[in-house]
Amino acid sequence: EALGYEVQMLEFIDMTHTPKNVLIRAFKE
């Protein structure tokens, strides 16, 4: 965000499949 990106933290796939399910999606502004 400090570097000029719009940042979203999203659920990638259901927690039952993997605990590592956070997707960082960033769009350059």
PDB file of all heavy atoms in Angstrom:
ATOM      1  N   GLU A   1       0.837  -1.210   0.000  1.00  0.00           N
ATOM      2  CA  GLU A   1       0.000   0.000   0.000  1.00  0.00           C
ATOM      3  C   GLU A   1       0.868   1.254   0.000  1.00  0.00           C
ATOM      4  O   GLU A   1       0.577   2.226  -0.715  1.00  0.00           O
ATOM      5  CB  GLU A   1      -0.934  -0.022   1.212  1.00  0.00           C
ATOM      6  CG  GLU A   1      -2.068  -1.016   1.073  1.00  0.00           C
ATOM      7  CD  GLU A   1      -2.929  -1.117   2.327  1.00  0.00           C
ATOM      8  OE1 GLU A   1      -2.494  -0.630   3.404  1.00  0.00           O
ATOM      9  OE2 GLU A   1      -4.022  -1.686   2.240  1.00  0.00           O
ATOM     10  N   ALA A   2       1.926   1.256   0.799  1.00  0.00           N
ATOM     11  CA  ALA A   2       2.818   2.416   0.848  1.00  0.00           C
ATOM     12  C   ALA A   2       3.471   2.668  -0.514  1.00  0.00           C
ATOM     13  O   ALA A   2       3.750   3.812  -0.877  1.00  0.00           O
ATOM     14  CB  ALA A   2       3.897   2.201   1.907  1.00  0.00           C
ATOM     15  N   LEU A   3       3.657   1.585  -1.273  1.00  0.00           N
ATOM     16  CA  LEU A   3       4.317   1.684  -2.568  1.00  0.00           C
ATOM     17  C   LEU A   3       3.346   1.943  -3.709  1.00  0.00           C
ATOM     18  O   LEU A   3       3.719   1.864  -4.873  1.00  0.00           O
ATOM     19  CB  LEU A   3       5.111   0.399  -2.836  1.00  0.00           C
ATOM     20  CG  LEU A   3       6.333   0.208  -1.919  1.00  0.00           C
ATOM     21  CD1 LEU A   3       6.833  -1.217  -1.968  1.00  0.00           C
ATOM     22  CD2 LEU A   3       7.441   1.184  -2.300  1.00  0.00           C
ATOM     23  N   GLY A   4       2.089   2.231  -3.380  1.00  0.00           N
ATOM     24  CA  GLY A   4       1.142   2.641  -4.404  1.00  0.00           C
ATOM     25  C   GLY A   4       0.274   1.535  -4.963  1.00  0.00           C
ATOM     26  O   GLY A   4      -0.238   1.660  -6.082  1.00  0.00           O
ATOM     27  N   TYR A   5       0.058   0.459  -4.211  1.00  0.00           N
ATOM     28  CA  TYR A   5      -0.798  -0.626  -4.657  1.00  0.00           C
ATOM     29  C   TYR A   5      -2.096  -0.661  -3.853  1.00  0.00           C
ATOM     30  O   TYR A   5      -2.103  -0.383  -2.647  1.00  0.00           O
ATOM     31  CB  TYR A   5      -0.097  -1.982  -4.501  1.00  0.00           C
ATOM     32  CG  TYR A   5       0.905  -2.282  -5.588  1.00  0.00           C
ATOM     33  CD1 TYR A   5       2.192  -1.749  -5.545  1.00  0.00           C
ATOM     34  CD2 TYR A   5       0.559  -3.072  -6.680  1.00  0.00           C
ATOM     35  CE1 TYR A   5       3.112  -2.012  -6.548  1.00  0.00           C
ATOM     36  CE2 TYR A   5       1.477  -3.350  -7.689  1.00  0.00           C
ATOM     37  CZ  TYR A   5       2.751  -2.815  -7.618  1.00  0.00           C
ATOM     38  OH  TYR A   5       3.651  -3.074  -8.622  1.00  0.00           O
ATOM     39  N   GLU A   6      -3.181  -0.999  -4.533  1.00  0.00           N
ATOM     40  CA  GLU A   6      -4.425  -1.334  -3.845  1.00  0.00           C
ATOM     41  C   GLU A   6      -4.324  -2.805  -3.457  1.00  0.00           C
ATOM     42  O   GLU A   6      -4.106  -3.660  -4.315  1.00  0.00           O
ATOM     43  CB  GLU A   6      -5.634  -1.131  -4.756  1.00  0.00           C
ATOM     44  CG  GLU A   6      -6.941  -1.581  -4.131  1.00  0.00           C
ATOM     45  CD  GLU A   6      -8.077  -1.714  -5.131  1.00  0.00           C
ATOM     46  OE1 GLU A   6      -7.915  -1.252  -6.289  1.00  0.00           O
ATOM     47  OE2 GLU A   6      -9.104  -2.316  -4.772  1.00  0.00           O
ATOM     48  N   VAL A   7      -4.484  -3.097  -2.188  1.00  0.00           N
ATOM     49  CA  VAL A   7      -4.239  -4.445  -1.677  1.00  0.00           C
ATOM     50  C   VAL A   7      -5.531  -5.064  -1.161  1.00  0.00           C
ATOM     51  O   VAL A   7      -6.300  -4.429  -0.431  1.00  0.00           O
ATOM     52  CB  VAL A   7      -3.184  -4.423  -0.544  1.00  0.00           C
ATOM     53  CG1 VAL A   7      -2.972  -5.826   0.020  1.00  0.00           C
ATOM     54  CG2 VAL A   7      -1.866  -3.853  -1.058  1.00  0.00           C
ATOM     55  N   GLN A   8      -5.755  -6.319  -1.540  1.00  0.00           N
ATOM     56  CA  GLN A   8      -6.884  -7.089  -1.045  1.00  0.00           C
ATOM     57  C   GLN A   8      -6.366  -8.402  -0.455  1.00  0.00           C
ATOM     58  O   GLN A   8      -5.485  -9.037  -1.041  1.00  0.00           O
ATOM     59  CB  GLN A   8      -7.869  -7.398  -2.176  1.00  0.00           C
ATOM     60  CG  GLN A   8      -8.429  -6.167  -2.871  1.00  0.00           C
ATOM     61  CD  GLN A   8      -9.158  -6.504  -4.152  1.00  0.00           C
ATOM     62  OE1 GLN A   8      -8.995  -7.590  -4.714  1.00  0.00           O
ATOM     63  NE2 GLN A   8      -9.970  -5.577  -4.641  1.00  0.00           N
ATOM     64  N   MET A   9      -6.896  -8.791   0.696  1.00  0.00           N
ATOM     65  CA  MET A   9      -6.599 -10.088   1.295  1.00  0.00           C
ATOM     66  C   MET A   9      -7.839 -10.966   1.111  1.00  0.00           C
ATOM     67  O   MET A   9      -8.920 -10.651   1.630  1.00  0.00           O
ATOM     68  CB  MET A   9      -6.262  -9.939   2.779  1.00  0.00           C
ATOM     69  CG  MET A   9      -5.033  -9.086   3.058  1.00  0.00           C
ATOM     70  SD  MET A   9      -3.502  -9.947   2.650  1.00  0.00           S
ATOM     71  CE  MET A   9      -2.298  -8.643   3.002  1.00  0.00           C
ATOM     72  N   LEU A  10      -7.705 -12.065   0.386  1.00  0.00           N
ATOM     73  CA  LEU A  10      -8.849 -12.877  -0.005  1.00  0.00           C
ATOM     74  C   LEU A  10      -8.634 -14.342   0.360  1.00  0.00           C
ATOM     75  O   LEU A  10      -7.493 -14.794   0.514  1.00  0.00           O
ATOM     76  CB  LEU A  10      -9.076 -12.764  -1.518  1.00  0.00           C
ATOM     77  CG  LEU A  10      -9.233 -11.339  -2.064  1.00  0.00           C
ATOM     78  CD1 LEU A  10      -9.082 -11.336  -3.580  1.00  0.00           C
ATOM     79  CD2 LEU A  10     -10.570 -10.753  -1.663  1.00  0.00           C
ATOM     80  N   GLU A  11      -9.734 -15.082   0.485  1.00  0.00           N
ATOM     81  CA  GLU A  11      -9.645 -16.518   0.722  1.00  0.00           C
ATOM     82  C   GLU A  11      -9.437 -17.214  -0.615  1.00  0.00           C
ATOM     83  O   GLU A  11     -10.273 -17.128  -1.504  1.00  0.00           O
ATOM     84  CB  GLU A  11     -10.918 -17.030   1.396  1.00  0.00           C
ATOM     85  CG  GLU A  11     -10.854 -18.518   1.719  1.00  0.00           C
ATOM     86  CD  GLU A  11     -12.148 -19.035   2.333  1.00  0.00           C
ATOM     87  OE1 GLU A  11     -13.171 -19.053   1.627  1.00  0.00           O
ATOM     88  OE2 GLU A  11     -12.127 -19.420   3.504  1.00  0.00           O
ATOM     89  N   PHE A  12      -8.315 -17.917  -0.744  1.00  0.00           N
ATOM     90  CA  PHE A  12      -7.985 -18.562  -2.009  1.00  0.00           C
ATOM     91  C   PHE A  12      -8.854 -19.798  -2.228  1.00  0.00           C
ATOM     92  O   PHE A  12      -9.603 -19.897  -3.189  1.00  0.00           O
ATOM     93  CB  PHE A  12      -6.496 -18.924  -2.021  1.00  0.00           C
ATOM     94  CG  PHE A  12      -6.050 -19.591  -3.296  1.00  0.00           C
ATOM     95  CD1 PHE A  12      -6.566 -19.212  -4.528  1.00  0.00           C
ATOM     96  CD2 PHE A  12      -5.104 -20.593  -3.265  1.00  0.00           C
ATOM     97  CE1 PHE A  12      -6.147 -19.819  -5.710  1.00  0.00           C
ATOM     98  CE2 PHE A  12      -4.670 -21.203  -4.436  1.00  0.00           C
ATOM     99  CZ  PHE A  12      -5.198 -20.818  -5.650  1.00  0.00           C
ATOM    100  N   ILE A  13      -8.748 -20.770  -1.343  1.00  0.00           N
ATOM    101  CA  ILE A  13      -9.610 -21.950  -1.379  1.00  0.00           C
ATOM    102  C   ILE A  13     -10.038 -22.261   0.043  1.00  0.00           C
ATOM    103  O   ILE A  13      -9.507 -21.710   0.998  1.00  0.00           O
ATOM    104  CB  ILE A  13      -8.909 -23.180  -2.003  1.00  0.00           C
ATOM    105  CG1 ILE A  13      -7.571 -23.455  -1.315  1.00  0.00           C
ATOM    106  CG2 ILE A  13      -8.728 -23.000  -3.501  1.00  0.00           C
ATOM    107  CD1 ILE A  13      -6.883 -24.693  -1.820  1.00  0.00           C
ATOM    108  N   ASP A  14     -11.005 -23.139   0.187  1.00  0.00           N
ATOM    109  CA  ASP A  14     -11.586 -23.429   1.491  1.00  0.00           C
ATOM    110  C   ASP A  14     -10.534 -23.926   2.471  1.00  0.00           C
ATOM    111  O   ASP A  14      -9.623 -24.679   2.113  1.00  0.00           O
ATOM    112  CB  ASP A  14     -12.698 -24.477   1.340  1.00  0.00           C
ATOM    113  CG  ASP A  14     -13.538 -24.580   2.598  1.00  0.00           C
ATOM    114  OD1 ASP A  14     -13.152 -25.356   3.491  1.00  0.00           O
ATOM    115  OD2 ASP A  14     -14.558 -23.884   2.672  1.00  0.00           O
ATOM    116  N   MET A  15     -10.661 -23.514   3.728  1.00  0.00           N
ATOM    117  CA  MET A  15      -9.722 -23.881   4.776  1.00  0.00           C
ATOM    118  C   MET A  15      -9.600 -25.397   4.967  1.00  0.00           C
ATOM    119  O   MET A  15      -8.589 -25.902   5.449  1.00  0.00           O
ATOM    120  CB  MET A  15     -10.147 -23.234   6.103  1.00  0.00           C
ATOM    121  CG  MET A  15      -9.166 -23.420   7.240  1.00  0.00           C
ATOM    122  SD  MET A  15      -7.650 -22.467   7.022  1.00  0.00           S
ATOM    123  CE  MET A  15      -8.219 -20.842   7.511  1.00  0.00           C
ATOM    124  N   THR A  16     -10.643 -26.148   4.575  1.00  0.00           N
ATOM    125  CA  THR A  16     -10.593 -27.603   4.744  1.00  0.00           C
ATOM    126  C   THR A  16      -9.543 -28.234   3.841  1.00  0.00           C
ATOM    127  O   THR A  16      -9.097 -29.350   4.085  1.00  0.00           O
ATOM    128  CB  THR A  16     -11.961 -28.236   4.445  1.00  0.00           C
ATOM    129  OG1 THR A  16     -12.341 -27.880   3.099  1.00  0.00           O
ATOM    130  CG2 THR A  16     -13.000 -27.744   5.411  1.00  0.00           C
ATOM    131  N   HIS A  17      -9.137 -27.541   2.782  1.00  0.00           N
ATOM    132  CA  HIS A  17      -8.170 -28.093   1.844  1.00  0.00           C
ATOM    133  C   HIS A  17      -6.737 -27.734   2.216  1.00  0.00           C
ATOM    134  O   HIS A  17      -5.814 -28.504   1.982  1.00  0.00           O
ATOM    135  CB  HIS A  17      -8.474 -27.616   0.424  1.00  0.00           C
ATOM    136  CG  HIS A  17      -9.835 -28.017  -0.051  1.00  0.00           C
ATOM    137  ND1 HIS A  17     -10.175 -29.328  -0.289  1.00  0.00           N
ATOM    138  CD2 HIS A  17     -10.941 -27.288  -0.306  1.00  0.00           C
ATOM    139  CE1 HIS A  17     -11.434 -29.393  -0.698  1.00  0.00           C
ATOM    140  NE2 HIS A  17     -11.925 -28.164  -0.701  1.00  0.00           N
ATOM    141  N   THR A  18      -6.526 -26.548   2.754  1.00  0.00           N
ATOM    142  CA  THR A  18      -5.200 -26.128   3.186  1.00  0.00           C
ATOM    143  C   THR A  18      -5.327 -24.931   4.117  1.00  0.00           C
ATOM    144  O   THR A  18      -6.170 -24.062   3.894  1.00  0.00           O
ATOM    145  CB  THR A  18      -4.296 -25.739   2.000  1.00  0.00           C
ATOM    146  OG1 THR A  18      -3.066 -25.194   2.514  1.00  0.00           O
ATOM    147  CG2 THR A  18      -4.954 -24.707   1.106  1.00  0.00           C
ATOM    148  N   PRO A  19      -4.517 -24.870   5.197  1.00  0.00           N
ATOM    149  CA  PRO A  19      -4.551 -23.688   6.070  1.00  0.00           C
ATOM    150  C   PRO A  19      -3.872 -22.487   5.420  1.00  0.00           C
ATOM    151  O   PRO A  19      -4.043 -21.370   5.872  1.00  0.00           O
ATOM    152  CB  PRO A  19      -3.785 -24.158   7.308  1.00  0.00           C
ATOM    153  CG  PRO A  19      -2.862 -25.228   6.802  1.00  0.00           C
ATOM    154  CD  PRO A  19      -3.609 -25.917   5.695  1.00  0.00           C
ATOM    155  N   LYS A  20      -3.092 -22.706   4.370  1.00  0.00           N
ATOM    156  CA  LYS A  20      -2.401 -21.616   3.678  1.00  0.00           C
ATOM    157  C   LYS A  20      -3.304 -21.123   2.554  1.00  0.00           C
ATOM    158  O   LYS A  20      -3.087 -21.394   1.375  1.00  0.00           O
ATOM    159  CB  LYS A  20      -1.051 -22.092   3.125  1.00  0.00           C
ATOM    160  CG  LYS A  20      -0.172 -22.790   4.161  1.00  0.00           C
ATOM    161  CD  LYS A  20       0.169 -21.869   5.338  1.00  0.00           C
ATOM    162  CE  LYS A  20       1.083 -22.572   6.349  1.00  0.00           C
ATOM    163  NZ  LYS A  20       1.376 -21.719   7.508  1.00  0.00           N
ATOM    164  N   ASN A  21      -4.342 -20.398   2.917  1.00  0.00           N
ATOM    165  CA  ASN A  21      -5.385 -20.073   1.937  1.00  0.00           C
ATOM    166  C   ASN A  21      -5.616 -18.575   1.759  1.00  0.00           C
ATOM    167  O   ASN A  21      -6.636 -18.171   1.227  1.00  0.00           O
ATOM    168  CB  ASN A  21      -6.700 -20.751   2.331  1.00  0.00           C
ATOM    169  CG  ASN A  21      -7.341 -20.109   3.544  1.00  0.00           C
ATOM    170  OD1 ASN A  21      -6.667 -19.504   4.363  1.00  0.00           O
ATOM    171  ND2 ASN A  21      -8.642 -20.234   3.655  1.00  0.00           N
ATOM    172  N   VAL A  22      -4.672 -17.752   2.212  1.00  0.00           N
ATOM    173  CA  VAL A  22      -4.809 -16.308   2.043  1.00  0.00           C
ATOM    174  C   VAL A  22      -4.161 -15.889   0.725  1.00  0.00           C
ATOM    175  O   VAL A  22      -2.992 -16.194   0.475  1.00  0.00           O
ATOM    176  CB  VAL A  22      -4.166 -15.543   3.212  1.00  0.00           C
ATOM    177  CG1 VAL A  22      -4.162 -14.041   2.929  1.00  0.00           C
ATOM    178  CG2 VAL A  22      -4.910 -15.835   4.505  1.00  0.00           C
ATOM    179  N   LEU A  23      -4.922 -15.220  -0.112  1.00  0.00           N
ATOM    180  CA  LEU A  23      -4.389 -14.667  -1.355  1.00  0.00           C
ATOM    181  C   LEU A  23      -4.202 -13.168  -1.194  1.00  0.00           C
ATOM    182  O   LEU A  23      -5.138 -12.449  -0.845  1.00  0.00           O
ATOM    183  CB  LEU A  23      -5.353 -14.937  -2.518  1.00  0.00           C
ATOM    184  CG  LEU A  23      -5.007 -14.229  -3.837  1.00  0.00           C
ATOM    185  CD1 LEU A  23      -3.801 -14.887  -4.492  1.00  0.00           C
ATOM    186  CD2 LEU A  23      -6.197 -14.242  -4.794  1.00  0.00           C
ATOM    187  N   ILE A  24      -2.985 -12.698  -1.442  1.00  0.00           N
ATOM    188  CA  ILE A  24      -2.713 -11.266  -1.497  1.00  0.00           C
ATOM    189  C   ILE A  24      -2.855 -10.838  -2.954  1.00  0.00           C
ATOM    190  O   ILE A  24      -2.087 -11.282  -3.810  1.00  0.00           O
ATOM    191  CB  ILE A  24      -1.298 -10.938  -0.982  1.00  0.00           C
ATOM    192  CG1 ILE A  24      -1.102 -11.451   0.451  1.00  0.00           C
ATOM    193  CG2 ILE A  24      -1.036  -9.431  -1.058  1.00  0.00           C
ATOM    194  CD1 ILE A  24       0.322 -11.309   0.959  1.00  0.00           C
ATOM    195  N   ARG A  25      -3.851 -10.014  -3.232  1.00  0.00           N
ATOM    196  CA  ARG A  25      -4.045  -9.512  -4.595  1.00  0.00           C
ATOM    197  C   ARG A  25      -3.815  -8.006  -4.577  1.00  0.00           C
ATOM    198  O   ARG A  25      -4.446  -7.286  -3.805  1.00  0.00           O
ATOM    199  CB  ARG A  25      -5.447  -9.837  -5.105  1.00  0.00           C
ATOM    200  CG  ARG A  25      -5.659  -9.414  -6.561  1.00  0.00           C
ATOM    201  CD  ARG A  25      -6.922 -10.015  -7.139  1.00  0.00           C
ATOM    202  NE  ARG A  25      -8.134  -9.467  -6.556  1.00  0.00           N
ATOM    203  CZ  ARG A  25      -9.366  -9.888  -6.851  1.00  0.00           C
ATOM    204  NH1 ARG A  25      -9.528 -10.872  -7.719  1.00  0.00           N
ATOM    205  NH2 ARG A  25     -10.422  -9.347  -6.270  1.00  0.00           N
ATOM    206  N   ALA A  26      -2.908  -7.545  -5.421  1.00  0.00           N
ATOM    207  CA  ALA A  26      -2.531  -6.128  -5.415  1.00  0.00           C
ATOM    208  C   ALA A  26      -2.573  -5.566  -6.825  1.00  0.00           C
ATOM    209  O   ALA A  26      -2.092  -6.195  -7.773  1.00  0.00           O
ATOM    210  CB  ALA A  26      -1.134  -5.959  -4.817  1.00  0.00           C
ATOM    211  N   PHE A  27      -3.151  -4.368  -6.940  1.00  0.00           N
ATOM    212  CA  PHE A  27      -3.247  -3.670  -8.218  1.00  0.00           C
ATOM    213  C   PHE A  27      -2.443  -2.364  -8.127  1.00  0.00           C
ATOM    214  O   PHE A  27      -2.618  -1.592  -7.187  1.00  0.00           O
ATOM    215  CB  PHE A  27      -4.704  -3.340  -8.561  1.00  0.00           C
ATOM    216  CG  PHE A  27      -5.606  -4.542  -8.623  1.00  0.00           C
ATOM    217  CD1 PHE A  27      -6.792  -4.566  -7.909  1.00  0.00           C
ATOM    218  CD2 PHE A  27      -5.263  -5.644  -9.392  1.00  0.00           C
ATOM    219  CE1 PHE A  27      -7.641  -5.668  -7.969  1.00  0.00           C
ATOM    220  CE2 PHE A  27      -6.101  -6.745  -9.459  1.00  0.00           C
ATOM    221  CZ  PHE A  27      -7.290  -6.766  -8.754  1.00  0.00           C
ATOM    222  N   LYS A  28      -1.606  -2.133  -9.117  1.00  0.00           N
ATOM    223  CA  LYS A  28      -0.775  -0.921  -9.104  1.00  0.00           C
ATOM    224  C   LYS A  28      -1.622   0.307  -9.361  1.00  0.00           C
ATOM    225  O   LYS A  28      -2.419   0.349 -10.295  1.00  0.00           O
ATOM    226  CB  LYS A  28       0.334  -1.019 -10.158  1.00  0.00           C
ATOM    227  CG  LYS A  28       1.311   0.155 -10.118  1.00  0.00           C
ATOM    228  CD  LYS A  28       2.461  -0.030 -11.093  1.00  0.00           C
ATOM    229  CE  LYS A  28       2.006   0.142 -12.530  1.00  0.00           C
ATOM    230  NZ  LYS A  28       3.143   0.124 -13.471  1.00  0.00           N
ATOM    231  N   GLU A  29      -1.451   1.312  -8.524  1.00  0.00           N
ATOM    232  CA  GLU A  29      -2.079   2.610  -8.727  1.00  0.00           C
ATOM    233  C   GLU A  29      -0.966   3.598  -9.072  1.00  0.00           C
ATOM    234  O   GLU A  29      -0.102   3.293  -9.871  1.00  0.00           O
ATOM    235  CB  GLU A  29      -2.865   3.011  -7.476  1.00  0.00           C
ATOM    236  CG  GLU A  29      -4.020   2.048  -7.179  1.00  0.00           C
ATOM    237  CD  GLU A  29      -4.818   2.431  -5.951  1.00  0.00           C
ATOM    238  OE1 GLU A  29      -4.210   2.797  -4.924  1.00  0.00           O
ATOM    239  OE2 GLU A  29      -6.050   2.373  -6.024  1.00  0.00           O
TER     240      GLU A  29
END
